[in-house]
Amino acid sequence: TEARMSREAWVRATDVSDLVHGEAQVATLQGQQGLARDPTQPEPPEEAGGGA
């Protein structure tokens, strides 16, 4: 029915909104913790040989 289709569309839109909001929250938390990386900077190597 039209009502069911409308509800399904609403659920999909809500799910997408929740997903986007969740990803934004994760990025904000990472930034607050200093974990967010500048996408223009290369990531430092995990082990640069030797190790301290």
PDB file of N, CA and C in Angstrom:
ATOM      1  N   THR A   1       0.840  -1.201   0.000  1.00  0.00           N
ATOM      2  CA  THR A   1       0.000   0.000   0.000  1.00  0.00           C
ATOM      3  C   THR A   1       0.872   1.247   0.000  1.00  0.00           C
ATOM      4  N   GLU A   2       0.241   2.365  -0.306  1.00  0.00           N
ATOM      5  CA  GLU A   2       0.988   3.623  -0.328  1.00  0.00           C
ATOM      6  C   GLU A   2       1.521   3.976   1.056  1.00  0.00           C
ATOM      7  N   ALA A   3       0.710   3.706   2.084  1.00  0.00           N
ATOM      8  CA  ALA A   3       1.147   4.020   3.452  1.00  0.00           C
ATOM      9  C   ALA A   3       2.375   3.200   3.832  1.00  0.00           C
ATOM     10  N   ARG A   4       2.387   1.934   3.438  1.00  0.00           N
ATOM     11  CA  ARG A   4       3.527   1.084   3.772  1.00  0.00           C
ATOM     12  C   ARG A   4       4.776   1.560   3.039  1.00  0.00           C
ATOM     13  N   MET A   5       4.622   1.910   1.767  1.00  0.00           N
ATOM     14  CA  MET A   5       5.762   2.401   0.998  1.00  0.00           C
ATOM     15  C   MET A   5       6.297   3.684   1.614  1.00  0.00           C
ATOM     16  N   SER A   6       5.389   4.548   2.044  1.00  0.00           N
ATOM     17  CA  SER A   6       5.810   5.799   2.659  1.00  0.00           C
ATOM     18  C   SER A   6       6.582   5.515   3.942  1.00  0.00           C
ATOM     19  N   ARG A   7       6.096   4.568   4.733  1.00  0.00           N
ATOM     20  CA  ARG A   7       6.773   4.226   5.989  1.00  0.00           C
ATOM     21  C   ARG A   7       8.152   3.651   5.705  1.00  0.00           C
ATOM     22  N   GLU A   8       8.246   2.772   4.706  1.00  0.00           N
ATOM     23  CA  GLU A   8       9.541   2.182   4.376  1.00  0.00           C
ATOM     24  C   GLU A   8      10.527   3.260   3.938  1.00  0.00           C
ATOM     25  N   ALA A   9      10.059   4.223   3.151  1.00  0.00           N
ATOM     26  CA  ALA A   9      10.930   5.316   2.727  1.00  0.00           C
ATOM     27  C   ALA A   9      11.375   6.142   3.931  1.00  0.00           C
ATOM     28  N   TRP A  10      10.457   6.370   4.867  1.00  0.00           N
ATOM     29  CA  TRP A  10      10.787   7.141   6.072  1.00  0.00           C
ATOM     30  C   TRP A  10      11.829   6.401   6.910  1.00  0.00           C
ATOM     31  N   VAL A  11      11.653   5.075   7.037  1.00  0.00           N
ATOM     32  CA  VAL A  11      12.610   4.276   7.811  1.00  0.00           C
ATOM     33  C   VAL A  11      13.985   4.339   7.162  1.00  0.00           C
ATOM     34  N   ARG A  12      14.036   4.212   5.829  1.00  0.00           N
ATOM     35  CA  ARG A  12      15.328   4.276   5.143  1.00  0.00           C
ATOM     36  C   ARG A  12      15.977   5.636   5.357  1.00  0.00           C
ATOM     37  N   ALA A  13      15.216   6.698   5.224  1.00  0.00           N
ATOM     38  CA  ALA A  13      15.771   8.043   5.407  1.00  0.00           C
ATOM     39  C   ALA A  13      16.271   8.219   6.836  1.00  0.00           C
ATOM     40  N   THR A  14      15.527   7.679   7.799  1.00  0.00           N
ATOM     41  CA  THR A  14      15.937   7.786   9.201  1.00  0.00           C
ATOM     42  C   THR A  14      17.220   7.004   9.438  1.00  0.00           C
ATOM     43  N   ASP A  15      17.323   5.811   8.860  1.00  0.00           N
ATOM     44  CA  ASP A  15      18.524   4.998   9.028  1.00  0.00           C
ATOM     45  C   ASP A  15      19.741   5.726   8.466  1.00  0.00           C
ATOM     46  N   VAL A  16      19.600   6.321   7.292  1.00  0.00           N
ATOM     47  CA  VAL A  16      20.712   7.052   6.686  1.00  0.00           C
ATOM     48  C   VAL A  16      21.098   8.232   7.570  1.00  0.00           C
ATOM     49  N   SER A  17      20.101   8.954   8.075  1.00  0.00           N
ATOM     50  CA  SER A  17      20.375  10.098   8.938  1.00  0.00           C
ATOM     51  C   SER A  17      21.123   9.656  10.188  1.00  0.00           C
ATOM     52  N   ASP A  18      20.688   8.554  10.795  1.00  0.00           N
ATOM     53  CA  ASP A  18      21.356   8.045  11.995  1.00  0.00           C
ATOM     54  C   ASP A  18      22.793   7.654  11.673  1.00  0.00           C
ATOM     55  N   LEU A  19      23.006   7.019  10.518  1.00  0.00           N
ATOM     56  CA  LEU A  19      24.344   6.595  10.133  1.00  0.00           C
ATOM     57  C   LEU A  19      25.258   7.803   9.967  1.00  0.00           C
ATOM     58  N   VAL A  20      24.790   8.817   9.248  1.00  0.00           N
ATOM     59  CA  VAL A  20      25.598  10.019   9.029  1.00  0.00           C
ATOM     60  C   VAL A  20      25.886  10.700  10.358  1.00  0.00           C
ATOM     61  N   HIS A  21      24.865  10.815  11.210  1.00  0.00           N
ATOM     62  CA  HIS A  21      25.049  11.458  12.509  1.00  0.00           C
ATOM     63  C   HIS A  21      26.051  10.670  13.345  1.00  0.00           C
ATOM     64  N   GLY A  22      25.971   9.349  13.300  1.00  0.00           N
ATOM     65  CA  GLY A  22      26.898   8.512  14.056  1.00  0.00           C
ATOM     66  C   GLY A  22      28.329   8.693  13.584  1.00  0.00           C
ATOM     67  N   GLU A  23      28.539   8.742  12.276  1.00  0.00           N
ATOM     68  CA  GLU A  23      29.891   8.935  11.759  1.00  0.00           C
ATOM     69  C   GLU A  23      30.424  10.306  12.149  1.00  0.00           C
ATOM     70  N   ALA A  24      29.573  11.326  12.129  1.00  0.00           N
ATOM     71  CA  ALA A  24      30.008  12.663  12.528  1.00  0.00           C
ATOM     72  C   ALA A  24      30.388  12.668  14.001  1.00  0.00           C
ATOM     73  N   GLN A  25      29.637  11.950  14.824  1.00  0.00           N
ATOM     74  CA  GLN A  25      29.950  11.872  16.252  1.00  0.00           C
ATOM     75  C   GLN A  25      31.301  11.204  16.454  1.00  0.00           C
ATOM     76  N   VAL A  26      31.576  10.136  15.735  1.00  0.00           N
ATOM     77  CA  VAL A  26      32.851   9.434  15.856  1.00  0.00           C
ATOM     78  C   VAL A  26      33.994  10.370  15.473  1.00  0.00           C
ATOM     79  N   ALA A  27      33.846  11.098  14.376  1.00  0.00           N
ATOM     80  CA  ALA A  27      34.894  12.022  13.945  1.00  0.00           C
ATOM     81  C   ALA A  27      35.120  13.102  14.992  1.00  0.00           C
ATOM     82  N   THR A  28      34.050  13.603  15.597  1.00  0.00           N
ATOM     83  CA  THR A  28      34.176  14.624  16.633  1.00  0.00           C
ATOM     84  C   THR A  28      34.910  14.060  17.836  1.00  0.00           C
ATOM     85  N   LEU A  29      34.546  12.865  18.261  1.00  0.00           N
ATOM     86  CA  LEU A  29      35.206  12.257  19.416  1.00  0.00           C
ATOM     87  C   LEU A  29      36.681  12.016  19.123  1.00  0.00           C
ATOM     88  N   GLN A  30      37.002  11.541  17.933  1.00  0.00           N
ATOM     89  CA  GLN A  30      38.397  11.302  17.581  1.00  0.00           C
ATOM     90  C   GLN A  30      39.177  12.611  17.597  1.00  0.00           C
ATOM     91  N   GLY A  31      38.567  13.682  17.099  1.00  0.00           N
ATOM     92  CA  GLY A  31      39.231  14.978  17.104  1.00  0.00           C
ATOM     93  C   GLY A  31      39.496  15.452  18.522  1.00  0.00           C
ATOM     94  N   GLN A  32      38.529  15.259  19.403  1.00  0.00           N
ATOM     95  CA  GLN A  32      38.699  15.671  20.791  1.00  0.00           C
ATOM     96  C   GLN A  32      39.815  14.880  21.461  1.00  0.00           C
ATOM     97  N   GLN A  33      39.990  13.641  21.065  1.00  0.00           N
ATOM     98  CA  GLN A  33      41.002  12.787  21.675  1.00  0.00           C
ATOM     99  C   GLN A  33      42.344  12.894  20.947  1.00  0.00           C
ATOM    100  N   GLY A  34      42.403  13.724  19.908  1.00  0.00           N
ATOM    101  CA  GLY A  34      43.645  13.876  19.165  1.00  0.00           C
ATOM    102  C   GLY A  34      43.927  12.691  18.255  1.00  0.00           C
ATOM    103  N   LEU A  35      42.900  11.906  17.926  1.00  0.00           N
ATOM    104  CA  LEU A  35      43.103  10.731  17.089  1.00  0.00           C
ATOM    105  C   LEU A  35      42.809  11.014  15.621  1.00  0.00           C
ATOM    106  N   ALA A  36      42.083  12.087  15.354  1.00  0.00           N
ATOM    107  CA  ALA A  36      41.731  12.404  13.970  1.00  0.00           C
ATOM    108  C   ALA A  36      42.995  12.830  13.226  1.00  0.00           C
ATOM    109  N   ARG A  37      43.157  12.320  12.015  1.00  0.00           N
ATOM    110  CA  ARG A  37      44.339  12.659  11.215  1.00  0.00           C
ATOM    111  C   ARG A  37      43.949  13.677  10.146  1.00  0.00           C
ATOM    112  N   ASP A  38      44.867  14.577   9.880  1.00  0.00           N
ATOM    113  CA  ASP A  38      44.657  15.512   8.781  1.00  0.00           C
ATOM    114  C   ASP A  38      44.748  14.695   7.497  1.00  0.00           C
ATOM    115  N   PRO A  39      43.686  14.650   6.693  1.00  0.00           N
ATOM    116  CA  PRO A  39      43.722  13.810   5.493  1.00  0.00           C
ATOM    117  C   PRO A  39      44.773  14.229   4.477  1.00  0.00           C
ATOM    118  N   THR A  40      45.333  15.432   4.607  1.00  0.00           N
ATOM    119  CA  THR A  40      46.356  15.868   3.660  1.00  0.00           C
ATOM    120  C   THR A  40      47.743  15.422   4.103  1.00  0.00           C
ATOM    121  N   GLN A  41      47.869  14.939   5.328  1.00  0.00           N
ATOM    122  CA  GLN A  41      49.168  14.502   5.833  1.00  0.00           C
ATOM    123  C   GLN A  41      49.262  12.984   5.745  1.00  0.00           C
ATOM    124  N   PRO A  42      50.406  12.468   5.320  1.00  0.00           N
ATOM    125  CA  PRO A  42      50.563  11.007   5.311  1.00  0.00           C
ATOM    126  C   PRO A  42      50.630  10.490   6.740  1.00  0.00           C
ATOM    127  N   GLU A  43      50.133   9.269   6.945  1.00  0.00           N
ATOM    128  CA  GLU A  43      50.191   8.694   8.287  1.00  0.00           C
ATOM    129  C   GLU A  43      51.632   8.286   8.586  1.00  0.00           C
ATOM    130  N   PRO A  44      52.084   8.497   9.807  1.00  0.00           N
ATOM    131  CA  PRO A  44      53.442   8.057  10.156  1.00  0.00           C
ATOM    132  C   PRO A  44      53.495   6.541  10.153  1.00  0.00           C
ATOM    133  N   PRO A  45      54.642   5.975   9.825  1.00  0.00           N
ATOM    134  CA  PRO A  45      54.741   4.507   9.822  1.00  0.00           C
ATOM    135  C   PRO A  45      54.581   3.967  11.232  1.00  0.00           C
ATOM    136  N   GLU A  46      53.990   2.775  11.349  1.00  0.00           N
ATOM    137  CA  GLU A  46      53.793   2.170  12.669  1.00  0.00           C
ATOM    138  C   GLU A  46      55.148   1.856  13.295  1.00  0.00           C
ATOM    139  N   GLU A  47      56.014   1.180  12.531  1.00  0.00           N
ATOM    140  CA  GLU A  47      57.343   0.838  13.035  1.00  0.00           C
ATOM    141  C   GLU A  47      58.353   1.395  12.045  1.00  0.00           C
ATOM    142  N   ALA A  48      59.165   2.346  12.493  1.00  0.00           N
ATOM    143  CA  ALA A  48      60.165   2.938  11.607  1.00  0.00           C
ATOM    144  C   ALA A  48      61.483   2.188  11.745  1.00  0.00           C
ATOM    145  N   GLY A  49      61.431   0.906  12.071  1.00  0.00           N
ATOM    146  CA  GLY A  49      62.642   0.120  12.240  1.00  0.00           C
ATOM    147  C   GLY A  49      63.255   0.390  13.607  1.00  0.00           C
ATOM    148  N   GLY A  50      63.813  -0.635  14.235  1.00  0.00           N
ATOM    149  CA  GLY A  50      64.427  -0.436  15.554  1.00  0.00           C
ATOM    150  C   GLY A  50      63.371  -0.343  16.626  1.00  0.00           C
ATOM    151  N   GLY A  51      62.681   0.768  16.689  1.00  0.00           N
ATOM    152  CA  GLY A  51      61.651   0.942  17.717  1.00  0.00           C
ATOM    153  C   GLY A  51      62.284   1.368  19.019  1.00  0.00           C
ATOM    154  N   ALA A  52      61.553   2.131  19.821  1.00  0.00           N
ATOM    155  CA  ALA A  52      62.128   2.621  21.081  1.00  0.00           C
ATOM    156  C   ALA A  52      61.550   1.841  22.252  1.00  0.00           C
TER     157      ALA A  52
END
